[in-house]
Amino acid sequence: MSETQRISLAIVEDQELIRKSLKIVLGMEPDFHVAWLAENGSKAIELCKADPPDIILMDIKMPIMDGVEATKRIKAEWPSVKVIILTTFEEVELVLDALHSGAEGYLLKAMDPKDLASGIRHVHRGETLIPQHMAKEIFARGRLGSGATSATGSTQKPDDYGLSEREVQVLKALSDGLSNREIGSKLFISEGTVRNYISAVYAKMDVRNRAEAARKAMESHWFRDSLHDNRH
């Protein structure tokens, strides 16, 4: 596989040991190329100007510029660059801010390297990476933001966005953390049809990715019952 066909990665992490360890581990994957390392968000932006990668693994808590602010600036300047947040479970509140800033998903630092590699490929294929067993937890903890809830406390309904019944079903499934393939199996439709429905949901809800769509739905409590009734 030539380098031009490999997934270009960048690692942004303030702890040198973790940074270099990730480079070694991910560099062993034949379809990955670690383009550069950065110790904070400010340095990452500087390096992006010269060499924007396909995917950035972004720590949240860093000096000078944290991962949330860096994600916001990078997605604004280089929207095609995908960002995966590296976090601990205790930082789950901060992950919400990063998802709202445009990150494609998150992974826990304490995970098997093979699972990390798999997650990176998942995001490179265009999916949003919110592990199913944690999806409900992270949205259940979510703070109400500026999206679907107004200052008066009124919330928008799916009908307000013009969502069809099938689009609402797809939105609920992706809010539960299901992949396109799993949504297709659940609803007995093809993956291509799932992608079409998801694109329509994005356009109607004025969001950029799964995380924003799910967050907007959760803030309006459209699927509140599923937080309690659909646990695994």
C-alpha atoms as a PDB file:
ATOM      1  CA  MET A   1       0.000   0.000   0.000  1.00  0.00           C
ATOM      2  CA  SER A   2       1.516   3.348  -1.011  1.00  0.00           C
ATOM      3  CA  GLU A   3       1.741   6.220   1.439  1.00  0.00           C
ATOM      4  CA  THR A   4      -0.763   8.255  -0.565  1.00  0.00           C
ATOM      5  CA  GLN A   5      -3.353   5.561   0.128  1.00  0.00           C
ATOM      6  CA  ARG A   6      -2.652   5.355   3.840  1.00  0.00           C
ATOM      7  CA  ILE A   7      -4.604   7.174   6.533  1.00  0.00           C
ATOM      8  CA  SER A   8      -2.614  10.214   7.625  1.00  0.00           C
ATOM      9  CA  LEU A   9      -2.728  10.674  11.411  1.00  0.00           C
ATOM     10  CA  ALA A  10      -1.669  13.351  13.861  1.00  0.00           C
ATOM     11  CA  ILE A  11      -1.410  12.888  17.618  1.00  0.00           C
ATOM     12  CA  VAL A  12      -2.027  15.835  19.944  1.00  0.00           C
ATOM     13  CA  GLU A  13      -1.209  14.921  23.543  1.00  0.00           C
ATOM     14  CA  ASP A  14       0.674  16.861  26.230  1.00  0.00           C
ATOM     15  CA  GLN A  15       2.203  13.787  27.893  1.00  0.00           C
ATOM     16  CA  GLU A  16       5.296  12.835  25.937  1.00  0.00           C
ATOM     17  CA  LEU A  17       5.212   9.161  26.913  1.00  0.00           C
ATOM     18  CA  ILE A  18       1.637   8.707  25.699  1.00  0.00           C
ATOM     19  CA  ARG A  19       2.333  10.736  22.572  1.00  0.00           C
ATOM     20  CA  LYS A  20       5.336   8.662  21.551  1.00  0.00           C
ATOM     21  CA  SER A  21       3.716   5.382  22.578  1.00  0.00           C
ATOM     22  CA  LEU A  22       0.724   6.079  20.358  1.00  0.00           C
ATOM     23  CA  LYS A  23       3.042   6.899  17.467  1.00  0.00           C
ATOM     24  CA  ILE A  24       4.820   3.560  17.843  1.00  0.00           C
ATOM     25  CA  VAL A  25       1.635   1.524  18.210  1.00  0.00           C
ATOM     26  CA  LEU A  26      -0.251   3.189  15.362  1.00  0.00           C
ATOM     27  CA  GLY A  27       2.825   3.292  13.146  1.00  0.00           C
ATOM     28  CA  MET A  28       2.797  -0.514  13.141  1.00  0.00           C
ATOM     29  CA  GLU A  29      -0.522  -0.564  11.290  1.00  0.00           C
ATOM     30  CA  PRO A  30       0.147  -0.950   7.540  1.00  0.00           C
ATOM     31  CA  ASP A  31      -2.601   1.474   6.512  1.00  0.00           C
ATOM     32  CA  PHE A  32      -1.588   4.269   8.924  1.00  0.00           C
ATOM     33  CA  HIS A  33       0.974   7.023   8.539  1.00  0.00           C
ATOM     34  CA  VAL A  34       1.678   9.207  11.603  1.00  0.00           C
ATOM     35  CA  ALA A  35       2.373  12.591  10.008  1.00  0.00           C
ATOM     36  CA  TRP A  36       3.228  14.592  13.122  1.00  0.00           C
ATOM     37  CA  LEU A  37       2.959  14.956  16.889  1.00  0.00           C
ATOM     38  CA  ALA A  38       1.969  18.020  18.930  1.00  0.00           C
ATOM     39  CA  GLU A  39       1.996  18.745  22.644  1.00  0.00           C
ATOM     40  CA  ASN A  40      -0.942  21.195  22.667  1.00  0.00           C
ATOM     41  CA  GLY A  41      -3.733  22.594  20.535  1.00  0.00           C
ATOM     42  CA  SER A  42      -1.832  25.690  19.475  1.00  0.00           C
ATOM     43  CA  LYS A  43       1.026  23.625  18.075  1.00  0.00           C
ATOM     44  CA  ALA A  44      -1.486  21.368  16.316  1.00  0.00           C
ATOM     45  CA  ILE A  45      -3.005  24.327  14.482  1.00  0.00           C
ATOM     46  CA  GLU A  46       0.462  25.470  13.435  1.00  0.00           C
ATOM     47  CA  LEU A  47       1.302  22.027  12.052  1.00  0.00           C
ATOM     48  CA  CYS A  48      -2.078  21.732  10.327  1.00  0.00           C
ATOM     49  CA  LYS A  49      -1.221  24.790   8.231  1.00  0.00           C
ATOM     50  CA  ALA A  50       1.669  22.914   6.659  1.00  0.00           C
ATOM     51  CA  ASP A  51       0.278  19.383   6.652  1.00  0.00           C
ATOM     52  CA  PRO A  52      -3.402  18.817   7.494  1.00  0.00           C
ATOM     53  CA  PRO A  53      -3.866  15.092   8.243  1.00  0.00           C
ATOM     54  CA  ASP A  54      -6.872  12.891   7.590  1.00  0.00           C
ATOM     55  CA  ILE A  55      -7.492  12.323  11.297  1.00  0.00           C
ATOM     56  CA  ILE A  56      -6.282  13.946  14.503  1.00  0.00           C
ATOM     57  CA  LEU A  57      -6.250  12.120  17.831  1.00  0.00           C
ATOM     58  CA  MET A  58      -6.866  14.983  20.238  1.00  0.00           C
ATOM     59  CA  ASP A  59      -6.347  15.038  23.992  1.00  0.00           C
ATOM     60  CA  ILE A  60      -8.735  17.321  25.886  1.00  0.00           C
ATOM     61  CA  LYS A  61      -6.769  18.685  28.831  1.00  0.00           C
ATOM     62  CA  MET A  62      -3.596  20.375  27.579  1.00  0.00           C
ATOM     63  CA  PRO A  63      -1.691  23.563  28.412  1.00  0.00           C
ATOM     64  CA  ILE A  64      -1.734  26.705  26.211  1.00  0.00           C
ATOM     65  CA  MET A  65      -4.758  25.497  24.199  1.00  0.00           C
ATOM     66  CA  ASP A  66      -7.002  22.597  25.176  1.00  0.00           C
ATOM     67  CA  GLY A  67      -8.547  20.038  22.859  1.00  0.00           C
ATOM     68  CA  VAL A  68     -12.004  21.597  22.759  1.00  0.00           C
ATOM     69  CA  GLU A  69     -10.756  24.980  21.527  1.00  0.00           C
ATOM     70  CA  ALA A  70      -8.300  23.346  19.140  1.00  0.00           C
ATOM     71  CA  THR A  71     -11.045  21.164  17.692  1.00  0.00           C
ATOM     72  CA  LYS A  72     -13.281  24.190  17.158  1.00  0.00           C
ATOM     73  CA  ARG A  73     -10.545  26.101  15.311  1.00  0.00           C
ATOM     74  CA  ILE A  74      -9.342  23.164  13.261  1.00  0.00           C
ATOM     75  CA  LYS A  75     -12.843  22.188  12.116  1.00  0.00           C
ATOM     76  CA  ALA A  76     -13.519  25.812  11.145  1.00  0.00           C
ATOM     77  CA  GLU A  77     -10.312  26.082   9.101  1.00  0.00           C
ATOM     78  CA  TRP A  78     -10.012  22.503   7.796  1.00  0.00           C
ATOM     79  CA  PRO A  79     -13.511  20.939   7.881  1.00  0.00           C
ATOM     80  CA  SER A  80     -12.333  17.792   6.084  1.00  0.00           C
ATOM     81  CA  VAL A  81      -9.918  16.966   8.922  1.00  0.00           C
ATOM     82  CA  LYS A  82     -11.599  14.489  11.255  1.00  0.00           C
ATOM     83  CA  VAL A  83     -11.006  14.737  15.003  1.00  0.00           C
ATOM     84  CA  ILE A  84     -11.190  11.891  17.509  1.00  0.00           C
ATOM     85  CA  ILE A  85     -11.052  12.958  21.146  1.00  0.00           C
ATOM     86  CA  LEU A  86      -8.838  10.890  23.437  1.00  0.00           C
ATOM     87  CA  THR A  87     -10.258  11.010  26.926  1.00  0.00           C
ATOM     88  CA  THR A  88     -10.809   9.362  30.269  1.00  0.00           C
ATOM     89  CA  PHE A  89     -14.292   8.496  31.440  1.00  0.00           C
ATOM     90  CA  GLU A  90     -14.076  11.212  34.101  1.00  0.00           C
ATOM     91  CA  GLU A  91     -13.789  13.832  31.348  1.00  0.00           C
ATOM     92  CA  VAL A  92     -17.075  12.876  29.719  1.00  0.00           C
ATOM     93  CA  GLU A  93     -18.584  16.345  30.281  1.00  0.00           C
ATOM     94  CA  LEU A  94     -15.761  17.919  28.290  1.00  0.00           C
ATOM     95  CA  VAL A  95     -16.357  15.444  25.486  1.00  0.00           C
ATOM     96  CA  LEU A  96     -19.780  17.000  24.942  1.00  0.00           C
ATOM     97  CA  ASP A  97     -18.133  20.354  24.284  1.00  0.00           C
ATOM     98  CA  ALA A  98     -15.729  18.750  21.813  1.00  0.00           C
ATOM     99  CA  LEU A  99     -18.554  16.961  19.978  1.00  0.00           C
ATOM    100  CA  HIS A 100     -20.442  20.230  19.757  1.00  0.00           C
ATOM    101  CA  SER A 101     -17.295  21.807  18.305  1.00  0.00           C
ATOM    102  CA  GLY A 102     -17.312  19.280  15.468  1.00  0.00           C
ATOM    103  CA  ALA A 103     -15.341  16.255  16.675  1.00  0.00           C
ATOM    104  CA  GLU A 104     -16.343  13.005  14.978  1.00  0.00           C
ATOM    105  CA  GLY A 105     -16.260  11.033  18.207  1.00  0.00           C
ATOM    106  CA  TYR A 106     -14.147   9.961  21.116  1.00  0.00           C
ATOM    107  CA  LEU A 107     -12.151   7.035  22.449  1.00  0.00           C
ATOM    108  CA  LEU A 108     -10.962   6.213  25.926  1.00  0.00           C
ATOM    109  CA  LYS A 109      -7.205   6.349  26.422  1.00  0.00           C
ATOM    110  CA  ALA A 110      -7.228   3.069  28.348  1.00  0.00           C
ATOM    111  CA  MET A 111      -8.245   0.847  25.466  1.00  0.00           C
ATOM    112  CA  ASP A 112      -6.693  -1.963  23.482  1.00  0.00           C
ATOM    113  CA  PRO A 113      -4.493  -0.673  20.603  1.00  0.00           C
ATOM    114  CA  LYS A 114      -6.383  -2.855  18.132  1.00  0.00           C
ATOM    115  CA  ASP A 115      -9.655  -1.265  19.194  1.00  0.00           C
ATOM    116  CA  LEU A 116      -8.079   2.159  18.786  1.00  0.00           C
ATOM    117  CA  ALA A 117      -6.938   1.291  15.268  1.00  0.00           C
ATOM    118  CA  SER A 118     -10.388  -0.047  14.444  1.00  0.00           C
ATOM    119  CA  GLY A 119     -11.997   3.155  15.718  1.00  0.00           C
ATOM    120  CA  ILE A 120      -9.728   5.279  13.542  1.00  0.00           C
ATOM    121  CA  ARG A 121     -10.690   3.273  10.459  1.00  0.00           C
ATOM    122  CA  HIS A 122     -14.331   3.589  11.457  1.00  0.00           C
ATOM    123  CA  VAL A 123     -14.084   7.404  11.476  1.00  0.00           C
ATOM    124  CA  HIS A 124     -12.096   7.423   8.229  1.00  0.00           C
ATOM    125  CA  ARG A 125     -15.000   5.609   6.561  1.00  0.00           C
ATOM    126  CA  GLY A 126     -17.264   8.482   7.526  1.00  0.00           C
ATOM    127  CA  GLU A 127     -18.861   7.190  10.714  1.00  0.00           C
ATOM    128  CA  THR A 128     -19.044   9.036  14.005  1.00  0.00           C
ATOM    129  CA  LEU A 129     -17.343   7.199  16.823  1.00  0.00           C
ATOM    130  CA  ILE A 130     -19.474   7.117  19.948  1.00  0.00           C
ATOM    131  CA  PRO A 131     -19.239   3.617  21.484  1.00  0.00           C
ATOM    132  CA  GLN A 132     -22.725   2.213  21.917  1.00  0.00           C
ATOM    133  CA  HIS A 133     -22.264   1.191  25.538  1.00  0.00           C
ATOM    134  CA  MET A 134     -21.415   4.806  26.408  1.00  0.00           C
ATOM    135  CA  ALA A 135     -23.622   6.739  24.001  1.00  0.00           C
ATOM    136  CA  LYS A 136     -26.599   6.972  26.357  1.00  0.00           C
ATOM    137  CA  GLU A 137     -24.370   7.833  29.290  1.00  0.00           C
ATOM    138  CA  ILE A 138     -22.711  10.757  27.550  1.00  0.00           C
ATOM    139  CA  PHE A 139     -25.949  12.234  26.251  1.00  0.00           C
ATOM    140  CA  ALA A 140     -27.745  11.594  29.554  1.00  0.00           C
ATOM    141  CA  ARG A 141     -25.071  13.734  31.228  1.00  0.00           C
ATOM    142  CA  GLY A 142     -25.313  16.419  28.561  1.00  0.00           C
ATOM    143  CA  ARG A 143     -25.909  19.985  29.617  1.00  0.00           C
ATOM    144  CA  LEU A 144     -28.603  21.932  27.823  1.00  0.00           C
ATOM    145  CA  GLY A 145     -26.952  24.192  25.298  1.00  0.00           C
ATOM    146  CA  SER A 146     -27.874  26.799  22.744  1.00  0.00           C
ATOM    147  CA  GLY A 147     -29.273  24.295  20.263  1.00  0.00           C
ATOM    148  CA  ALA A 148     -32.791  22.969  20.588  1.00  0.00           C
ATOM    149  CA  THR A 149     -33.892  24.466  23.901  1.00  0.00           C
ATOM    150  CA  SER A 150     -34.876  28.096  24.146  1.00  0.00           C
ATOM    151  CA  ALA A 151     -34.532  30.419  27.114  1.00  0.00           C
ATOM    152  CA  THR A 152     -38.219  29.943  27.854  1.00  0.00           C
ATOM    153  CA  GLY A 153     -37.760  26.199  28.189  1.00  0.00           C
ATOM    154  CA  SER A 154     -39.773  25.257  25.097  1.00  0.00           C
ATOM    155  CA  THR A 155     -38.292  22.545  22.923  1.00  0.00           C
ATOM    156  CA  GLN A 156     -38.561  21.781  19.243  1.00  0.00           C
ATOM    157  CA  LYS A 157     -40.163  18.591  17.995  1.00  0.00           C
ATOM    158  CA  PRO A 158     -39.193  16.385  15.032  1.00  0.00           C
ATOM    159  CA  ASP A 159     -42.118  17.863  13.089  1.00  0.00           C
ATOM    160  CA  ASP A 160     -40.569  21.321  13.477  1.00  0.00           C
ATOM    161  CA  TYR A 161     -37.649  20.130  11.358  1.00  0.00           C
ATOM    162  CA  GLY A 162     -39.864  18.362   8.845  1.00  0.00           C
ATOM    163  CA  LEU A 163     -38.490  14.919   9.717  1.00  0.00           C
ATOM    164  CA  SER A 164     -40.384  11.956   8.346  1.00  0.00           C
ATOM    165  CA  GLU A 165     -41.262   8.977  10.528  1.00  0.00           C
ATOM    166  CA  ARG A 166     -38.435   6.949   8.972  1.00  0.00           C
ATOM    167  CA  GLU A 167     -35.939   9.782   9.476  1.00  0.00           C
ATOM    168  CA  VAL A 168     -36.892   9.914  13.149  1.00  0.00           C
ATOM    169  CA  GLN A 169     -36.323   6.144  13.402  1.00  0.00           C
ATOM    170  CA  VAL A 170     -32.875   6.536  11.847  1.00  0.00           C
ATOM    171  CA  LEU A 171     -32.081   9.461  14.146  1.00  0.00           C
ATOM    172  CA  LYS A 172     -33.043   7.437  17.211  1.00  0.00           C
ATOM    173  CA  ALA A 173     -30.863   4.538  16.086  1.00  0.00           C
ATOM    174  CA  LEU A 174     -27.808   6.726  15.532  1.00  0.00           C
ATOM    175  CA  SER A 175     -28.486   8.421  18.898  1.00  0.00           C
ATOM    176  CA  ASP A 176     -28.218   4.938  20.413  1.00  0.00           C
ATOM    177  CA  GLY A 177     -24.746   4.645  18.888  1.00  0.00           C
ATOM    178  CA  LEU A 178     -25.591   2.211  16.079  1.00  0.00           C
ATOM    179  CA  SER A 179     -23.465   2.097  12.933  1.00  0.00           C
ATOM    180  CA  ASN A 180     -24.975   2.439   9.455  1.00  0.00           C
ATOM    181  CA  ARG A 181     -24.849  -1.333   9.034  1.00  0.00           C
ATOM    182  CA  GLU A 182     -26.595  -1.905  12.375  1.00  0.00           C
ATOM    183  CA  ILE A 183     -29.241   0.711  11.542  1.00  0.00           C
ATOM    184  CA  GLY A 184     -29.845  -0.983   8.198  1.00  0.00           C
ATOM    185  CA  SER A 185     -30.267  -4.375   9.863  1.00  0.00           C
ATOM    186  CA  LYS A 186     -32.558  -2.949  12.523  1.00  0.00           C
ATOM    187  CA  LEU A 187     -34.800  -1.132  10.032  1.00  0.00           C
ATOM    188  CA  PHE A 188     -34.467  -3.674   7.178  1.00  0.00           C
ATOM    189  CA  ILE A 189     -33.019  -1.162   4.721  1.00  0.00           C
ATOM    190  CA  SER A 190     -29.688  -1.005   2.881  1.00  0.00           C
ATOM    191  CA  GLU A 191     -26.654   0.905   4.150  1.00  0.00           C
ATOM    192  CA  GLY A 192     -26.926   3.211   1.143  1.00  0.00           C
ATOM    193  CA  THR A 193     -30.508   4.041   2.097  1.00  0.00           C
ATOM    194  CA  VAL A 194     -29.405   4.657   5.683  1.00  0.00           C
ATOM    195  CA  ARG A 195     -26.775   7.128   4.436  1.00  0.00           C
ATOM    196  CA  ASN A 196     -29.424   8.917   2.375  1.00  0.00           C
ATOM    197  CA  TYR A 197     -31.718   9.243   5.387  1.00  0.00           C
ATOM    198  CA  ILE A 198     -28.856  10.471   7.574  1.00  0.00           C
ATOM    199  CA  SER A 199     -27.905  13.108   4.994  1.00  0.00           C
ATOM    200  CA  ALA A 200     -31.515  14.284   4.944  1.00  0.00           C
ATOM    201  CA  VAL A 201     -31.584  14.462   8.756  1.00  0.00           C
ATOM    202  CA  TYR A 202     -28.384  16.544   8.779  1.00  0.00           C
ATOM    203  CA  ALA A 203     -29.785  18.985   6.225  1.00  0.00           C
ATOM    204  CA  LYS A 204     -33.150  19.380   7.945  1.00  0.00           C
ATOM    205  CA  MET A 205     -31.674  19.754  11.440  1.00  0.00           C
ATOM    206  CA  ASP A 206     -28.805  21.986  10.254  1.00  0.00           C
ATOM    207  CA  VAL A 207     -26.105  19.805  11.835  1.00  0.00           C
ATOM    208  CA  ARG A 208     -22.759  18.533  10.536  1.00  0.00           C
ATOM    209  CA  ASN A 209     -22.455  15.070  12.031  1.00  0.00           C
ATOM    210  CA  ARG A 210     -24.066  12.304  14.081  1.00  0.00           C
ATOM    211  CA  ALA A 211     -22.898  13.725  17.363  1.00  0.00           C
ATOM    212  CA  GLU A 212     -24.602  17.073  16.756  1.00  0.00           C
ATOM    213  CA  ALA A 213     -27.805  15.418  15.521  1.00  0.00           C
ATOM    214  CA  ALA A 214     -27.977  13.102  18.533  1.00  0.00           C
ATOM    215  CA  ARG A 215     -27.117  15.902  20.940  1.00  0.00           C
ATOM    216  CA  LYS A 216     -29.875  18.130  19.508  1.00  0.00           C
ATOM    217  CA  ALA A 217     -32.405  15.309  19.818  1.00  0.00           C
ATOM    218  CA  MET A 218     -31.332  14.512  23.375  1.00  0.00           C
ATOM    219  CA  GLU A 219     -31.499  18.142  24.468  1.00  0.00           C
ATOM    220  CA  SER A 220     -35.121  18.228  23.297  1.00  0.00           C
ATOM    221  CA  HIS A 221     -35.787  14.915  25.104  1.00  0.00           C
ATOM    222  CA  TRP A 222     -37.193  13.281  21.972  1.00  0.00           C
ATOM    223  CA  PHE A 223     -35.903   9.883  23.022  1.00  0.00           C
ATOM    224  CA  ARG A 224     -35.868  10.306  26.782  1.00  0.00           C
ATOM    225  CA  ASP A 225     -37.466   6.908  27.359  1.00  0.00           C
ATOM    226  CA  SER A 226     -34.716   5.135  25.427  1.00  0.00           C
ATOM    227  CA  LEU A 227     -32.147   6.307  27.958  1.00  0.00           C
ATOM    228  CA  HIS A 228     -33.799   4.065  30.502  1.00  0.00           C
ATOM    229  CA  ASP A 229     -35.585   1.411  28.488  1.00  0.00           C
ATOM    230  CA  ASN A 230     -32.945   0.443  25.928  1.00  0.00           C
ATOM    231  CA  ARG A 231     -29.967  -0.393  28.091  1.00  0.00           C
ATOM    232  CA  HIS A 232     -27.707  -3.362  27.373  1.00  0.00           C
END
